[in-house]
Amino acid sequence: MNFSPNGEILAAANWDSTVKLWSREGKLIKTLNGHEAPVLSVSFSPDGQTLASASDDNTIILWNLHLDDLLNRGCGWVNNYRKRNNNCR
């Protein structure tokens, strides 16, 4: 387990191959899927925007937790899709 630098999020490595993000109030925020074996450790970057998880499947995943960035990229993807597909209104 590892707390984010601001103390707001707890990341927990799990034997079910997931990483779970919890609020400090104990509410599950998100389950991150991507590993194929138990997750052994998690660590936040100093700015709290990236989480690294290491698994028994010999992989490390870097998770982008910058939600504003993800929202902006998602909107860009949708706009690009709409420009290329005339069936969207």
C-alpha atoms as a PDB file:
ATOM      1  CA  MET A   1       0.000   0.000   0.000  1.00  0.00           C
ATOM      2  CA  ASN A   2       1.077   3.534  -0.664  1.00  0.00           C
ATOM      3  CA  PHE A   3      -0.478   6.937  -0.015  1.00  0.00           C
ATOM      4  CA  SER A   4      -0.390   9.659  -2.658  1.00  0.00           C
ATOM      5  CA  PRO A   5       1.907  12.590  -1.797  1.00  0.00           C
ATOM      6  CA  ASN A   6      -1.087  14.739  -0.774  1.00  0.00           C
ATOM      7  CA  GLY A   7      -2.466  11.946   1.415  1.00  0.00           C
ATOM      8  CA  GLU A   8      -5.808  11.872  -0.409  1.00  0.00           C
ATOM      9  CA  ILE A   9      -5.517   8.494  -2.196  1.00  0.00           C
ATOM     10  CA  LEU A  10      -4.385   5.092  -0.995  1.00  0.00           C
ATOM     11  CA  ALA A  11      -3.190   2.666  -3.690  1.00  0.00           C
ATOM     12  CA  ALA A  12      -3.349  -0.995  -2.754  1.00  0.00           C
ATOM     13  CA  ALA A  13      -1.620  -3.863  -4.576  1.00  0.00           C
ATOM     14  CA  ASN A  14      -3.853  -6.928  -4.721  1.00  0.00           C
ATOM     15  CA  TRP A  15      -3.431 -10.663  -5.196  1.00  0.00           C
ATOM     16  CA  ASP A  16      -6.308 -10.600  -7.716  1.00  0.00           C
ATOM     17  CA  SER A  17      -3.983  -8.816 -10.230  1.00  0.00           C
ATOM     18  CA  THR A  18      -5.562  -5.399  -9.665  1.00  0.00           C
ATOM     19  CA  VAL A  19      -4.624  -2.108  -8.088  1.00  0.00           C
ATOM     20  CA  LYS A  20      -7.354  -0.479  -6.055  1.00  0.00           C
ATOM     21  CA  LEU A  21      -7.467   3.245  -5.391  1.00  0.00           C
ATOM     22  CA  TRP A  22      -9.216   4.296  -2.183  1.00  0.00           C
ATOM     23  CA  SER A  23     -10.115   7.717  -0.813  1.00  0.00           C
ATOM     24  CA  ARG A  24      -8.793   8.453   2.634  1.00  0.00           C
ATOM     25  CA  GLU A  25     -12.418   8.177   3.806  1.00  0.00           C
ATOM     26  CA  GLY A  26     -12.377   4.512   2.744  1.00  0.00           C
ATOM     27  CA  LYS A  27     -14.420   4.775  -0.488  1.00  0.00           C
ATOM     28  CA  LEU A  28     -13.244   2.744  -3.486  1.00  0.00           C
ATOM     29  CA  ILE A  29     -12.414   5.231  -6.247  1.00  0.00           C
ATOM     30  CA  LYS A  30     -11.190   2.958  -9.025  1.00  0.00           C
ATOM     31  CA  THR A  31      -9.949  -0.547  -9.777  1.00  0.00           C
ATOM     32  CA  LEU A  32      -7.053  -0.649 -12.228  1.00  0.00           C
ATOM     33  CA  ASN A  33      -6.826  -3.783 -14.367  1.00  0.00           C
ATOM     34  CA  GLY A  34      -3.870  -4.698 -16.537  1.00  0.00           C
ATOM     35  CA  HIS A  35      -1.646  -7.212 -14.799  1.00  0.00           C
ATOM     36  CA  GLU A  36      -1.922 -10.968 -15.312  1.00  0.00           C
ATOM     37  CA  ALA A  37      -0.580 -12.016 -11.898  1.00  0.00           C
ATOM     38  CA  PRO A  38      -0.683 -10.674  -8.348  1.00  0.00           C
ATOM     39  CA  VAL A  39       0.438  -7.069  -7.935  1.00  0.00           C
ATOM     40  CA  LEU A  40       3.376  -6.949  -5.562  1.00  0.00           C
ATOM     41  CA  SER A  41       3.936  -3.226  -5.044  1.00  0.00           C
ATOM     42  CA  VAL A  42       2.680   0.251  -5.910  1.00  0.00           C
ATOM     43  CA  SER A  43       4.345   3.646  -5.747  1.00  0.00           C
ATOM     44  CA  PHE A  44       3.235   7.186  -6.559  1.00  0.00           C
ATOM     45  CA  SER A  45       5.387   9.685  -8.428  1.00  0.00           C
ATOM     46  CA  PRO A  46       6.370  12.737  -6.358  1.00  0.00           C
ATOM     47  CA  ASP A  47       3.674  14.859  -8.048  1.00  0.00           C
ATOM     48  CA  GLY A  48       1.013  12.173  -7.476  1.00  0.00           C
ATOM     49  CA  GLN A  49       0.000  12.130 -11.163  1.00  0.00           C
ATOM     50  CA  THR A  50       1.529   8.742 -11.996  1.00  0.00           C
ATOM     51  CA  LEU A  51       1.283   5.436 -10.183  1.00  0.00           C
ATOM     52  CA  ALA A  52       3.683   2.572 -10.858  1.00  0.00           C
ATOM     53  CA  SER A  53       2.568  -0.995 -10.153  1.00  0.00           C
ATOM     54  CA  ALA A  54       4.818  -4.056 -10.263  1.00  0.00           C
ATOM     55  CA  SER A  55       3.436  -7.537 -10.697  1.00  0.00           C
ATOM     56  CA  ASP A  56       4.506 -11.145 -10.340  1.00  0.00           C
ATOM     57  CA  ASP A  57       3.978 -11.358 -14.132  1.00  0.00           C
ATOM     58  CA  ASN A  58       7.306  -9.457 -14.452  1.00  0.00           C
ATOM     59  CA  THR A  59       5.656  -6.258 -15.673  1.00  0.00           C
ATOM     60  CA  ILE A  60       5.512  -2.694 -14.435  1.00  0.00           C
ATOM     61  CA  ILE A  61       2.602  -0.481 -15.466  1.00  0.00           C
ATOM     62  CA  LEU A  62       2.684   3.301 -15.241  1.00  0.00           C
ATOM     63  CA  TRP A  63      -0.839   4.611 -14.665  1.00  0.00           C
ATOM     64  CA  ASN A  64      -1.643   8.224 -15.584  1.00  0.00           C
ATOM     65  CA  LEU A  65      -3.781   9.575 -12.748  1.00  0.00           C
ATOM     66  CA  HIS A  66      -3.963  13.139 -14.073  1.00  0.00           C
ATOM     67  CA  LEU A  67      -7.735  13.109 -14.600  1.00  0.00           C
ATOM     68  CA  ASP A  68      -7.900  16.534 -16.284  1.00  0.00           C
ATOM     69  CA  ASP A  69      -5.359  15.343 -18.853  1.00  0.00           C
ATOM     70  CA  LEU A  70      -7.343  12.154 -19.486  1.00  0.00           C
ATOM     71  CA  LEU A  71     -10.550  14.150 -19.918  1.00  0.00           C
ATOM     72  CA  ASN A  72      -8.883  16.511 -22.396  1.00  0.00           C
ATOM     73  CA  ARG A  73      -7.432  13.633 -24.404  1.00  0.00           C
ATOM     74  CA  GLY A  74     -10.782  11.832 -24.381  1.00  0.00           C
ATOM     75  CA  CYS A  75     -12.552  14.921 -25.724  1.00  0.00           C
ATOM     76  CA  GLY A  76      -9.899  15.213 -28.424  1.00  0.00           C
ATOM     77  CA  TRP A  77     -10.406  11.579 -29.450  1.00  0.00           C
ATOM     78  CA  VAL A  78     -14.172  12.080 -29.687  1.00  0.00           C
ATOM     79  CA  ASN A  79     -13.775  15.255 -31.744  1.00  0.00           C
ATOM     80  CA  ASN A  80     -11.345  13.534 -34.123  1.00  0.00           C
ATOM     81  CA  TYR A  81     -13.718  10.588 -34.487  1.00  0.00           C
ATOM     82  CA  ARG A  82     -16.639  12.882 -35.265  1.00  0.00           C
ATOM     83  CA  LYS A  83     -14.627  14.763 -37.910  1.00  0.00           C
ATOM     84  CA  ARG A  84     -13.740  11.505 -39.673  1.00  0.00           C
ATOM     85  CA  ASN A  85     -17.178   9.884 -39.462  1.00  0.00           C
ATOM     86  CA  ASN A  86     -20.031  11.692 -41.175  1.00  0.00           C
ATOM     87  CA  ASN A  87     -22.654   9.561 -39.426  1.00  0.00           C
ATOM     88  CA  CYS A  88     -22.077  11.420 -36.130  1.00  0.00           C
ATOM     89  CA  ARG A  89     -24.271  14.399 -35.413  1.00  0.00           C
END
